[in-house]
Amino acid sequence: DVTVEEITHPRYGSPYPWPLNRILSYQKQWEVRRKMKAIGWAGKTLEQ
């Protein structure tokens, strides 16, 4: 969550105006998190 808010969302959406920058970032986040769930990584901690 900290990396998402401080690095990922600002960088990923940087070329686009608001609110498109946030929409595209959240779409991508949903897509990656769905993949993580499918491969069994969604429940992992950062330490793991």
ModelCIF file with pLDDT and N, C-alpha, C, O atoms, coordinates in Angstrom:
data_MODEL
#
_entry.id   MODEL 
#
_entity.id                         1 
_entity.type                       polymer 
_entity.pdbx_number_of_molecules   1 
#
_entity_poly.entity_id                      1 
_entity_poly.type                           'polypeptide(L)' 
_entity_poly.nstd_linkage                   no 
_entity_poly.nstd_monomer                   no 
_entity_poly.pdbx_seq_one_letter_code       DVTVEEITHPRYGSPYPWPLNRILSYQKQWEVRRKMKAIGWAGKTLEQ 
_entity_poly.pdbx_seq_one_letter_code_can   DVTVEEITHPRYGSPYPWPLNRILSYQKQWEVRRKMKAIGWAGKTLEQ 
_entity_poly.pdbx_strand_id                 A 
#
loop_
_entity_poly_seq.entity_id 
_entity_poly_seq.num 
_entity_poly_seq.mon_id 
_entity_poly_seq.hetero 
1 1  ASP n 
1 2  VAL n 
1 3  THR n 
1 4  VAL n 
1 5  GLU n 
1 6  GLU n 
1 7  ILE n 
1 8  THR n 
1 9  HIS n 
1 10 PRO n 
1 11 ARG n 
1 12 TYR n 
1 13 GLY n 
1 14 SER n 
1 15 PRO n 
1 16 TYR n 
1 17 PRO n 
1 18 TRP n 
1 19 PRO n 
1 20 LEU n 
1 21 ASN n 
1 22 ARG n 
1 23 ILE n 
1 24 LEU n 
1 25 SER n 
1 26 TYR n 
1 27 GLN n 
1 28 LYS n 
1 29 GLN n 
1 30 TRP n 
1 31 GLU n 
1 32 VAL n 
1 33 ARG n 
1 34 ARG n 
1 35 LYS n 
1 36 MET n 
1 37 LYS n 
1 38 ALA n 
1 39 ILE n 
1 40 GLY n 
1 41 TRP n 
1 42 ALA n 
1 43 GLY n 
1 44 LYS n 
1 45 THR n 
1 46 LEU n 
1 47 GLU n 
1 48 GLN n 
#
_struct_asym.id          A 
_struct_asym.entity_id   1 
#
loop_
_ma_qa_metric.id 
_ma_qa_metric.mode 
_ma_qa_metric.name 
_ma_qa_metric.software_group_id 
_ma_qa_metric.type 
1 global pLDDT . pLDDT 
2 local  pLDDT . pLDDT 
#
_ma_qa_metric_global.metric_id      1 
_ma_qa_metric_global.metric_value   95.85 
_ma_qa_metric_global.model_id       1 
_ma_qa_metric_global.ordinal_id     1 
#
loop_
_ma_qa_metric_local.label_asym_id 
_ma_qa_metric_local.label_comp_id 
_ma_qa_metric_local.label_seq_id 
_ma_qa_metric_local.metric_id 
_ma_qa_metric_local.metric_value 
_ma_qa_metric_local.model_id 
_ma_qa_metric_local.ordinal_id 
A ASP 1  2 95.00 1 1  
A VAL 2  2 95.00 1 2  
A THR 3  2 96.00 1 3  
A VAL 4  2 96.00 1 4  
A GLU 5  2 96.00 1 5  
A GLU 6  2 96.00 1 6  
A ILE 7  2 96.00 1 7  
A THR 8  2 97.00 1 8  
A HIS 9  2 96.00 1 9  
A PRO 10 2 96.00 1 10 
A ARG 11 2 96.00 1 11 
A TYR 12 2 96.00 1 12 
A GLY 13 2 95.00 1 13 
A SER 14 2 95.00 1 14 
A PRO 15 2 94.00 1 15 
A TYR 16 2 93.00 1 16 
A PRO 17 2 95.00 1 17 
A TRP 18 2 94.00 1 18 
A PRO 19 2 95.00 1 19 
A LEU 20 2 95.00 1 20 
A ASN 21 2 95.00 1 21 
A ARG 22 2 96.00 1 22 
A ILE 23 2 96.00 1 23 
A LEU 24 2 95.00 1 24 
A SER 25 2 96.00 1 25 
A TYR 26 2 97.00 1 26 
A GLN 27 2 96.00 1 27 
A LYS 28 2 96.00 1 28 
A GLN 29 2 97.00 1 29 
A TRP 30 2 97.00 1 30 
A GLU 31 2 97.00 1 31 
A VAL 32 2 97.00 1 32 
A ARG 33 2 97.00 1 33 
A ARG 34 2 97.00 1 34 
A LYS 35 2 96.00 1 35 
A MET 36 2 97.00 1 36 
A LYS 37 2 97.00 1 37 
A ALA 38 2 97.00 1 38 
A ILE 39 2 96.00 1 39 
A GLY 40 2 96.00 1 40 
A TRP 41 2 97.00 1 41 
A ALA 42 2 94.00 1 42 
A GLY 43 2 94.00 1 43 
A LYS 44 2 96.00 1 44 
A THR 45 2 96.00 1 45 
A LEU 46 2 96.00 1 46 
A GLU 47 2 96.00 1 47 
A GLN 48 2 97.00 1 48 
#
loop_
_atom_site.group_PDB 
_atom_site.id 
_atom_site.type_symbol 
_atom_site.label_atom_id 
_atom_site.label_alt_id 
_atom_site.label_comp_id 
_atom_site.label_asym_id 
_atom_site.label_entity_id 
_atom_site.label_seq_id 
_atom_site.pdbx_PDB_ins_code 
_atom_site.Cartn_x 
_atom_site.Cartn_y 
_atom_site.Cartn_z 
_atom_site.occupancy 
_atom_site.B_iso_or_equiv 
_atom_site.pdbx_formal_charge 
_atom_site.auth_seq_id 
_atom_site.auth_comp_id 
_atom_site.auth_asym_id 
_atom_site.auth_atom_id 
_atom_site.pdbx_PDB_model_num 
ATOM 1   N N  . ASP A 1 1  ? 0.801  -1.233  0.000   1.00 95.00 ? 1  ASP A N  1 
ATOM 2   C CA . ASP A 1 1  ? 0.000  0.000   0.000   1.00 95.00 ? 1  ASP A CA 1 
ATOM 3   C C  . ASP A 1 1  ? 0.833  1.282   0.000   1.00 95.00 ? 1  ASP A C  1 
ATOM 4   O O  . ASP A 1 1  ? 0.493  2.247   -0.684  1.00 95.00 ? 1  ASP A O  1 
ATOM 5   N N  . VAL A 1 2  ? 1.918  1.289   0.765   1.00 95.00 ? 2  VAL A N  1 
ATOM 6   C CA . VAL A 1 2  ? 2.747  2.507   0.831   1.00 95.00 ? 2  VAL A CA 1 
ATOM 7   C C  . VAL A 1 2  ? 3.403  2.778   -0.520  1.00 95.00 ? 2  VAL A C  1 
ATOM 8   O O  . VAL A 1 2  ? 3.413  3.914   -0.995  1.00 95.00 ? 2  VAL A O  1 
ATOM 9   N N  . THR A 1 3  ? 3.950  1.731   -1.138  1.00 96.00 ? 3  THR A N  1 
ATOM 10  C CA . THR A 1 3  ? 4.582  1.889   -2.451  1.00 96.00 ? 3  THR A CA 1 
ATOM 11  C C  . THR A 1 3  ? 3.562  2.313   -3.506  1.00 96.00 ? 3  THR A C  1 
ATOM 12  O O  . THR A 1 3  ? 3.850  3.159   -4.353  1.00 96.00 ? 3  THR A O  1 
ATOM 13  N N  . VAL A 1 4  ? 2.378  1.725   -3.451  1.00 96.00 ? 4  VAL A N  1 
ATOM 14  C CA . VAL A 1 4  ? 1.313  2.071   -4.405  1.00 96.00 ? 4  VAL A CA 1 
ATOM 15  C C  . VAL A 1 4  ? 1.003  3.564   -4.331  1.00 96.00 ? 4  VAL A C  1 
ATOM 16  O O  . VAL A 1 4  ? 0.944  4.238   -5.359  1.00 96.00 ? 4  VAL A O  1 
ATOM 17  N N  . GLU A 1 5  ? 0.808  4.078   -3.124  1.00 96.00 ? 5  GLU A N  1 
ATOM 18  C CA . GLU A 1 5  ? 0.398  5.475   -2.968  1.00 96.00 ? 5  GLU A CA 1 
ATOM 19  C C  . GLU A 1 5  ? 1.530  6.462   -3.260  1.00 96.00 ? 5  GLU A C  1 
ATOM 20  O O  . GLU A 1 5  ? 1.306  7.511   -3.865  1.00 96.00 ? 5  GLU A O  1 
ATOM 21  N N  . GLU A 1 6  ? 2.746  6.119   -2.827  1.00 96.00 ? 6  GLU A N  1 
ATOM 22  C CA . GLU A 1 6  ? 3.841  7.082   -2.933  1.00 96.00 ? 6  GLU A CA 1 
ATOM 23  C C  . GLU A 1 6  ? 4.603  7.004   -4.259  1.00 96.00 ? 6  GLU A C  1 
ATOM 24  O O  . GLU A 1 6  ? 5.167  8.003   -4.705  1.00 96.00 ? 6  GLU A O  1 
ATOM 25  N N  . ILE A 1 7  ? 4.623  5.821   -4.895  1.00 96.00 ? 7  ILE A N  1 
ATOM 26  C CA . ILE A 1 7  ? 5.413  5.670   -6.123  1.00 96.00 ? 7  ILE A CA 1 
ATOM 27  C C  . ILE A 1 7  ? 4.565  5.249   -7.320  1.00 96.00 ? 7  ILE A C  1 
ATOM 28  O O  . ILE A 1 7  ? 4.589  5.899   -8.365  1.00 96.00 ? 7  ILE A O  1 
ATOM 29  N N  . THR A 1 8  ? 3.812  4.150   -7.160  1.00 97.00 ? 8  THR A N  1 
ATOM 30  C CA . THR A 1 8  ? 3.184  3.526   -8.326  1.00 97.00 ? 8  THR A CA 1 
ATOM 31  C C  . THR A 1 8  ? 2.107  4.401   -8.963  1.00 97.00 ? 8  THR A C  1 
ATOM 32  O O  . THR A 1 8  ? 2.166  4.684   -10.159 1.00 97.00 ? 8  THR A O  1 
ATOM 33  N N  . HIS A 1 9  ? 1.123  4.831   -8.169  1.00 96.00 ? 9  HIS A N  1 
ATOM 34  C CA . HIS A 1 9  ? 0.045  5.639   -8.748  1.00 96.00 ? 9  HIS A CA 1 
ATOM 35  C C  . HIS A 1 9  ? 0.562  6.952   -9.345  1.00 96.00 ? 9  HIS A C  1 
ATOM 36  O O  . HIS A 1 9  ? 0.189  7.284   -10.471 1.00 96.00 ? 9  HIS A O  1 
ATOM 37  N N  . PRO A 1 10 ? 1.407  7.712   -8.636  1.00 96.00 ? 10 PRO A N  1 
ATOM 38  C CA . PRO A 1 10 ? 1.900  8.960   -9.237  1.00 96.00 ? 10 PRO A CA 1 
ATOM 39  C C  . PRO A 1 10 ? 2.672  8.738   -10.547 1.00 96.00 ? 10 PRO A C  1 
ATOM 40  O O  . PRO A 1 10 ? 2.507  9.496   -11.502 1.00 96.00 ? 10 PRO A O  1 
ATOM 41  N N  . ARG A 1 11 ? 3.517  7.693   -10.586 1.00 96.00 ? 11 ARG A N  1 
ATOM 42  C CA . ARG A 1 11 ? 4.323  7.465   -11.797 1.00 96.00 ? 11 ARG A CA 1 
ATOM 43  C C  . ARG A 1 11 ? 3.474  6.896   -12.933 1.00 96.00 ? 11 ARG A C  1 
ATOM 44  O O  . ARG A 1 11 ? 3.541  7.375   -14.065 1.00 96.00 ? 11 ARG A O  1 
ATOM 45  N N  . TYR A 1 12 ? 2.681  5.880   -12.626 1.00 96.00 ? 12 TYR A N  1 
ATOM 46  C CA . TYR A 1 12 ? 1.914  5.212   -13.685 1.00 96.00 ? 12 TYR A CA 1 
ATOM 47  C C  . TYR A 1 12 ? 0.957  6.188   -14.370 1.00 96.00 ? 12 TYR A C  1 
ATOM 48  O O  . TYR A 1 12 ? 0.804  6.161   -15.592 1.00 96.00 ? 12 TYR A O  1 
ATOM 49  N N  . GLY A 1 13 ? 0.318  7.045   -13.579 1.00 95.00 ? 13 GLY A N  1 
ATOM 50  C CA . GLY A 1 13 ? -0.658 7.963   -14.157 1.00 95.00 ? 13 GLY A CA 1 
ATOM 51  C C  . GLY A 1 13 ? -0.086 9.302   -14.596 1.00 95.00 ? 13 GLY A C  1 
ATOM 52  O O  . GLY A 1 13 ? -0.823 10.166  -15.070 1.00 95.00 ? 13 GLY A O  1 
ATOM 53  N N  . SER A 1 14 ? 1.227  9.484   -14.442 1.00 95.00 ? 14 SER A N  1 
ATOM 54  C CA . SER A 1 14 ? 1.834  10.812  -14.635 1.00 95.00 ? 14 SER A CA 1 
ATOM 55  C C  . SER A 1 14 ? 1.591  11.468  -16.001 1.00 95.00 ? 14 SER A C  1 
ATOM 56  O O  . SER A 1 14 ? 1.470  12.692  -16.047 1.00 95.00 ? 14 SER A O  1 
ATOM 57  N N  . PRO A 1 15 ? 1.511  10.726  -17.117 1.00 94.00 ? 15 PRO A N  1 
ATOM 58  C CA . PRO A 1 15 ? 1.322  11.435  -18.390 1.00 94.00 ? 15 PRO A CA 1 
ATOM 59  C C  . PRO A 1 15 ? -0.103 11.923  -18.620 1.00 94.00 ? 15 PRO A C  1 
ATOM 60  O O  . PRO A 1 15 ? -0.361 12.655  -19.575 1.00 94.00 ? 15 PRO A O  1 
ATOM 61  N N  . TYR A 1 16 ? -1.035 11.521  -17.749 1.00 93.00 ? 16 TYR A N  1 
ATOM 62  C CA . TYR A 1 16 ? -2.447 11.761  -18.038 1.00 93.00 ? 16 TYR A CA 1 
ATOM 63  C C  . TYR A 1 16 ? -3.058 12.763  -17.060 1.00 93.00 ? 16 TYR A C  1 
ATOM 64  O O  . TYR A 1 16 ? -2.618 12.857  -15.914 1.00 93.00 ? 16 TYR A O  1 
ATOM 65  N N  . PRO A 1 17 ? -4.071 13.513  -17.508 1.00 95.00 ? 17 PRO A N  1 
ATOM 66  C CA . PRO A 1 17 ? -4.729 14.474  -16.611 1.00 95.00 ? 17 PRO A CA 1 
ATOM 67  C C  . PRO A 1 17 ? -5.647 13.764  -15.620 1.00 95.00 ? 17 PRO A C  1 
ATOM 68  O O  . PRO A 1 17 ? -6.042 12.617  -15.830 1.00 95.00 ? 17 PRO A O  1 
ATOM 69  N N  . TRP A 1 18 ? -5.982 14.475  -14.524 1.00 94.00 ? 18 TRP A N  1 
ATOM 70  C CA . TRP A 1 18 ? -6.971 13.956  -13.587 1.00 94.00 ? 18 TRP A CA 1 
ATOM 71  C C  . TRP A 1 18 ? -8.354 14.076  -14.218 1.00 94.00 ? 18 TRP A C  1 
ATOM 72  O O  . TRP A 1 18 ? -8.613 15.098  -14.854 1.00 94.00 ? 18 TRP A O  1 
ATOM 73  N N  . PRO A 1 19 ? -9.276 13.095  -14.088 1.00 95.00 ? 19 PRO A N  1 
ATOM 74  C CA . PRO A 1 19 ? -9.176 11.890  -13.268 1.00 95.00 ? 19 PRO A CA 1 
ATOM 75  C C  . PRO A 1 19 ? -8.656 10.664  -14.023 1.00 95.00 ? 19 PRO A C  1 
ATOM 76  O O  . PRO A 1 19 ? -8.580 9.575   -13.454 1.00 95.00 ? 19 PRO A O  1 
ATOM 77  N N  . LEU A 1 20 ? -8.298 10.834  -15.304 1.00 95.00 ? 20 LEU A N  1 
ATOM 78  C CA . LEU A 1 20 ? -7.861 9.677   -16.097 1.00 95.00 ? 20 LEU A CA 1 
ATOM 79  C C  . LEU A 1 20 ? -6.649 9.006   -15.458 1.00 95.00 ? 20 LEU A C  1 
ATOM 80  O O  . LEU A 1 20 ? -6.537 7.780   -15.472 1.00 95.00 ? 20 LEU A O  1 
ATOM 81  N N  . ASN A 1 21 ? -5.723 9.822   -14.888 1.00 95.00 ? 21 ASN A N  1 
ATOM 82  C CA . ASN A 1 21 ? -4.519 9.238   -14.269 1.00 95.00 ? 21 ASN A CA 1 
ATOM 83  C C  . ASN A 1 21 ? -4.891 8.250   -13.163 1.00 95.00 ? 21 ASN A C  1 
ATOM 84  O O  . ASN A 1 21 ? -4.275 7.191   -13.047 1.00 95.00 ? 21 ASN A O  1 
ATOM 85  N N  . ARG A 1 22 ? -5.893 8.590   -12.352 1.00 96.00 ? 22 ARG A N  1 
ATOM 86  C CA . ARG A 1 22 ? -6.302 7.696   -11.266 1.00 96.00 ? 22 ARG A CA 1 
ATOM 87  C C  . ARG A 1 22 ? -7.066 6.488   -11.801 1.00 96.00 ? 22 ARG A C  1 
ATOM 88  O O  . ARG A 1 22 ? -6.876 5.367   -11.329 1.00 96.00 ? 22 ARG A O  1 
ATOM 89  N N  . ILE A 1 23 ? -7.916 6.718   -12.771 1.00 96.00 ? 23 ILE A N  1 
ATOM 90  C CA . ILE A 1 23 ? -8.719 5.619   -13.336 1.00 96.00 ? 23 ILE A CA 1 
ATOM 91  C C  . ILE A 1 23 ? -7.809 4.551   -13.936 1.00 96.00 ? 23 ILE A C  1 
ATOM 92  O O  . ILE A 1 23 ? -7.992 3.361   -13.682 1.00 96.00 ? 23 ILE A O  1 
ATOM 93  N N  . LEU A 1 24 ? -6.828 4.977   -14.732 1.00 95.00 ? 24 LEU A N  1 
ATOM 94  C CA . LEU A 1 24 ? -5.910 4.021   -15.371 1.00 95.00 ? 24 LEU A CA 1 
ATOM 95  C C  . LEU A 1 24 ? -5.080 3.277   -14.329 1.00 95.00 ? 24 LEU A C  1 
ATOM 96  O O  . LEU A 1 24 ? -4.835 2.079   -14.467 1.00 95.00 ? 24 LEU A O  1 
ATOM 97  N N  . SER A 1 25 ? -4.645 3.992   -13.281 1.00 96.00 ? 25 SER A N  1 
ATOM 98  C CA . SER A 1 25 ? -3.861 3.362   -12.216 1.00 96.00 ? 25 SER A CA 1 
ATOM 99  C C  . SER A 1 25 ? -4.677 2.315   -11.472 1.00 96.00 ? 25 SER A C  1 
ATOM 100 O O  . SER A 1 25 ? -4.189 1.222   -11.184 1.00 96.00 ? 25 SER A O  1 
ATOM 101 N N  . TYR A 1 26 ? -5.931 2.661   -11.164 1.00 97.00 ? 26 TYR A N  1 
ATOM 102 C CA . TYR A 1 26 ? -6.771 1.701   -10.435 1.00 97.00 ? 26 TYR A CA 1 
ATOM 103 C C  . TYR A 1 26 ? -7.124 0.497   -11.302 1.00 97.00 ? 26 TYR A C  1 
ATOM 104 O O  . TYR A 1 26 ? -7.223 -0.623  -10.802 1.00 97.00 ? 26 TYR A O  1 
ATOM 105 N N  . GLN A 1 27 ? -7.312 0.726   -12.595 1.00 96.00 ? 27 GLN A N  1 
ATOM 106 C CA . GLN A 1 27 ? -7.561 -0.393  -13.512 1.00 96.00 ? 27 GLN A CA 1 
ATOM 107 C C  . GLN A 1 27 ? -6.388 -1.359  -13.522 1.00 96.00 ? 27 GLN A C  1 
ATOM 108 O O  . GLN A 1 27 ? -6.563 -2.575  -13.439 1.00 96.00 ? 27 GLN A O  1 
ATOM 109 N N  . LYS A 1 28 ? -5.200 -0.803  -13.625 1.00 96.00 ? 28 LYS A N  1 
ATOM 110 C CA . LYS A 1 28 ? -3.990 -1.631  -13.651 1.00 96.00 ? 28 LYS A CA 1 
ATOM 111 C C  . LYS A 1 28 ? -3.814 -2.356  -12.318 1.00 96.00 ? 28 LYS A C  1 
ATOM 112 O O  . LYS A 1 28 ? -3.463 -3.536  -12.287 1.00 96.00 ? 28 LYS A O  1 
ATOM 113 N N  . GLN A 1 29 ? -4.055 -1.651  -11.228 1.00 97.00 ? 29 GLN A N  1 
ATOM 114 C CA . GLN A 1 29 ? -3.919 -2.269  -9.905  1.00 97.00 ? 29 GLN A CA 1 
ATOM 115 C C  . GLN A 1 29 ? -4.891 -3.440  -9.759  1.00 97.00 ? 29 GLN A C  1 
ATOM 116 O O  . GLN A 1 29 ? -4.516 -4.492  -9.242  1.00 97.00 ? 29 GLN A O  1 
ATOM 117 N N  . TRP A 1 30 ? -6.116 -3.268  -10.203 1.00 97.00 ? 30 TRP A N  1 
ATOM 118 C CA . TRP A 1 30 ? -7.111 -4.338  -10.126 1.00 97.00 ? 30 TRP A CA 1 
ATOM 119 C C  . TRP A 1 30 ? -6.655 -5.542  -10.953 1.00 97.00 ? 30 TRP A C  1 
ATOM 120 O O  . TRP A 1 30 ? -6.777 -6.687  -10.518 1.00 97.00 ? 30 TRP A O  1 
ATOM 121 N N  . GLU A 1 31 ? -6.130 -5.269  -12.145 1.00 97.00 ? 31 GLU A N  1 
ATOM 122 C CA . GLU A 1 31 ? -5.662 -6.339  -13.045 1.00 97.00 ? 31 GLU A CA 1 
ATOM 123 C C  . GLU A 1 31 ? -4.509 -7.138  -12.412 1.00 97.00 ? 31 GLU A C  1 
ATOM 124 O O  . GLU A 1 31 ? -4.508 -8.369  -12.439 1.00 97.00 ? 31 GLU A O  1 
ATOM 125 N N  . VAL A 1 32 ? -3.529 -6.418  -11.841 1.00 97.00 ? 32 VAL A N  1 
ATOM 126 C CA . VAL A 1 32 ? -2.375 -7.102  -11.233 1.00 97.00 ? 32 VAL A CA 1 
ATOM 127 C C  . VAL A 1 32 ? -2.806 -7.859  -9.978  1.00 97.00 ? 32 VAL A C  1 
ATOM 128 O O  . VAL A 1 32 ? -2.366 -8.988  -9.758  1.00 97.00 ? 32 VAL A O  1 
ATOM 129 N N  . ARG A 1 33 ? -3.656 -7.254  -9.160  1.00 97.00 ? 33 ARG A N  1 
ATOM 130 C CA . ARG A 1 33 ? -4.098 -7.931  -7.931  1.00 97.00 ? 33 ARG A CA 1 
ATOM 131 C C  . ARG A 1 33 ? -4.928 -9.175  -8.245  1.00 97.00 ? 33 ARG A C  1 
ATOM 132 O O  . ARG A 1 33 ? -4.880 -10.155 -7.503  1.00 97.00 ? 33 ARG A O  1 
ATOM 133 N N  . ARG A 1 34 ? -5.675 -9.141  -9.321  1.00 97.00 ? 34 ARG A N  1 
ATOM 134 C CA . ARG A 1 34 ? -6.431 -10.333 -9.751  1.00 97.00 ? 34 ARG A CA 1 
ATOM 135 C C  . ARG A 1 34 ? -5.467 -11.448 -10.147 1.00 97.00 ? 34 ARG A C  1 
ATOM 136 O O  . ARG A 1 34 ? -5.691 -12.619 -9.840  1.00 97.00 ? 34 ARG A O  1 
ATOM 137 N N  . LYS A 1 35 ? -4.390 -11.064 -10.833 1.00 96.00 ? 35 LYS A N  1 
ATOM 138 C CA . LYS A 1 35 ? -3.368 -12.052 -11.209 1.00 96.00 ? 35 LYS A CA 1 
ATOM 139 C C  . LYS A 1 35 ? -2.697 -12.627 -9.955  1.00 96.00 ? 35 LYS A C  1 
ATOM 140 O O  . LYS A 1 35 ? -2.472 -13.834 -9.870  1.00 96.00 ? 35 LYS A O  1 
ATOM 141 N N  . MET A 1 36 ? -2.379 -11.766 -8.989  1.00 97.00 ? 36 MET A N  1 
ATOM 142 C CA . MET A 1 36 ? -1.740 -12.216 -7.749  1.00 97.00 ? 36 MET A CA 1 
ATOM 143 C C  . MET A 1 36 ? -2.642 -13.221 -7.006  1.00 97.00 ? 36 MET A C  1 
ATOM 144 O O  . MET A 1 36 ? -2.163 -14.199 -6.432  1.00 97.00 ? 36 MET A O  1 
ATOM 145 N N  . LYS A 1 37 ? -3.940 -12.956 -7.032  1.00 97.00 ? 37 LYS A N  1 
ATOM 146 C CA . LYS A 1 37 ? -4.889 -13.868 -6.388  1.00 97.00 ? 37 LYS A CA 1 
ATOM 147 C C  . LYS A 1 37 ? -4.864 -15.218 -7.103  1.00 97.00 ? 37 LYS A C  1 
ATOM 148 O O  . LYS A 1 37 ? -4.885 -16.267 -6.460  1.00 97.00 ? 37 LYS A O  1 
ATOM 149 N N  . ALA A 1 38 ? -4.819 -15.185 -8.436  1.00 97.00 ? 38 ALA A N  1 
ATOM 150 C CA . ALA A 1 38 ? -4.861 -16.413 -9.229  1.00 97.00 ? 38 ALA A CA 1 
ATOM 151 C C  . ALA A 1 38 ? -3.637 -17.296 -8.992  1.00 97.00 ? 38 ALA A C  1 
ATOM 152 O O  . ALA A 1 38 ? -3.737 -18.522 -9.046  1.00 97.00 ? 38 ALA A O  1 
ATOM 153 N N  . ILE A 1 39 ? -2.484 -16.678 -8.731  1.00 96.00 ? 39 ILE A N  1 
ATOM 154 C CA . ILE A 1 39 ? -1.253 -17.477 -8.550  1.00 96.00 ? 39 ILE A CA 1 
ATOM 155 C C  . ILE A 1 39 ? -0.912 -17.697 -7.076  1.00 96.00 ? 39 ILE A C  1 
ATOM 156 O O  . ILE A 1 39 ? 0.132  -18.259 -6.746  1.00 96.00 ? 39 ILE A O  1 
ATOM 157 N N  . GLY A 1 40 ? -1.810 -17.243 -6.193  1.00 96.00 ? 40 GLY A N  1 
ATOM 158 C CA . GLY A 1 40 ? -1.619 -17.516 -4.770  1.00 96.00 ? 40 GLY A CA 1 
ATOM 159 C C  . GLY A 1 40 ? -0.695 -16.554 -4.043  1.00 96.00 ? 40 GLY A C  1 
ATOM 160 O O  . GLY A 1 40 ? -0.188 -16.870 -2.966  1.00 96.00 ? 40 GLY A O  1 
ATOM 161 N N  . TRP A 1 41 ? -0.473 -15.381 -4.625  1.00 97.00 ? 41 TRP A N  1 
ATOM 162 C CA . TRP A 1 41 ? 0.408  -14.393 -3.986  1.00 97.00 ? 41 TRP A CA 1 
ATOM 163 C C  . TRP A 1 41 ? -0.365 -13.307 -3.241  1.00 97.00 ? 41 TRP A C  1 
ATOM 164 O O  . TRP A 1 41 ? 0.228  -12.537 -2.486  1.00 97.00 ? 41 TRP A O  1 
ATOM 165 N N  . ALA A 1 42 ? -1.667 -13.238 -3.441  1.00 94.00 ? 42 ALA A N  1 
ATOM 166 C CA . ALA A 1 42 ? -2.427 -12.115 -2.860  1.00 94.00 ? 42 ALA A CA 1 
ATOM 167 C C  . ALA A 1 42 ? -2.361 -12.101 -1.340  1.00 94.00 ? 42 ALA A C  1 
ATOM 168 O O  . ALA A 1 42 ? -2.372 -11.036 -0.724  1.00 94.00 ? 42 ALA A O  1 
ATOM 169 N N  . GLY A 1 43 ? -2.292 -13.283 -0.735  1.00 94.00 ? 43 GLY A N  1 
ATOM 170 C CA . GLY A 1 43 ? -2.284 -13.353 0.718   1.00 94.00 ? 43 GLY A CA 1 
ATOM 171 C C  . GLY A 1 43 ? -0.908 -13.275 1.345   1.00 94.00 ? 43 GLY A C  1 
ATOM 172 O O  . GLY A 1 43 ? -0.776 -13.354 2.566   1.00 94.00 ? 43 GLY A O  1 
ATOM 173 N N  . LYS A 1 44 ? 0.126  -13.119 0.519   1.00 96.00 ? 44 LYS A N  1 
ATOM 174 C CA . LYS A 1 44 ? 1.492  -13.076 1.055   1.00 96.00 ? 44 LYS A CA 1 
ATOM 175 C C  . LYS A 1 44 ? 1.773  -11.746 1.738   1.00 96.00 ? 44 LYS A C  1 
ATOM 176 O O  . LYS A 1 44 ? 1.229  -10.708 1.360   1.00 96.00 ? 44 LYS A O  1 
ATOM 177 N N  . THR A 1 45 ? 2.626  -11.795 2.745   1.00 96.00 ? 45 THR A N  1 
ATOM 178 C CA . THR A 1 45 ? 3.108  -10.558 3.358   1.00 96.00 ? 45 THR A CA 1 
ATOM 179 C C  . THR A 1 45 ? 4.349  -10.096 2.588   1.00 96.00 ? 45 THR A C  1 
ATOM 180 O O  . THR A 1 45 ? 4.936  -10.859 1.820   1.00 96.00 ? 45 THR A O  1 
ATOM 181 N N  . LEU A 1 46 ? 4.732  -8.850  2.804   1.00 96.00 ? 46 LEU A N  1 
ATOM 182 C CA . LEU A 1 46 ? 5.940  -8.326  2.160   1.00 96.00 ? 46 LEU A CA 1 
ATOM 183 C C  . LEU A 1 46 ? 7.159  -9.146  2.583   1.00 96.00 ? 46 LEU A C  1 
ATOM 184 O O  . LEU A 1 46 ? 8.054  -9.396  1.776   1.00 96.00 ? 46 LEU A O  1 
ATOM 185 N N  . GLU A 1 47 ? 7.188  -9.562  3.853   1.00 96.00 ? 47 GLU A N  1 
ATOM 186 C CA . GLU A 1 47 ? 8.319  -10.369 4.345   1.00 96.00 ? 47 GLU A CA 1 
ATOM 187 C C  . GLU A 1 47 ? 8.415  -11.690 3.590   1.00 96.00 ? 47 GLU A C  1 
ATOM 188 O O  . GLU A 1 47 ? 9.517  -12.133 3.268   1.00 96.00 ? 47 GLU A O  1 
ATOM 189 N N  . GLN A 1 48 ? 7.278  -12.327 3.300   1.00 97.00 ? 48 GLN A N  1 
ATOM 190 C CA . GLN A 1 48 ? 7.282  -13.586 2.556   1.00 97.00 ? 48 GLN A CA 1 
ATOM 191 C C  . GLN A 1 48 ? 7.754  -13.380 1.123   1.00 97.00 ? 48 GLN A C  1 
ATOM 192 O O  . GLN A 1 48 ? 7.820  -14.337 0.351   1.00 97.00 ? 48 GLN A O  1 
#
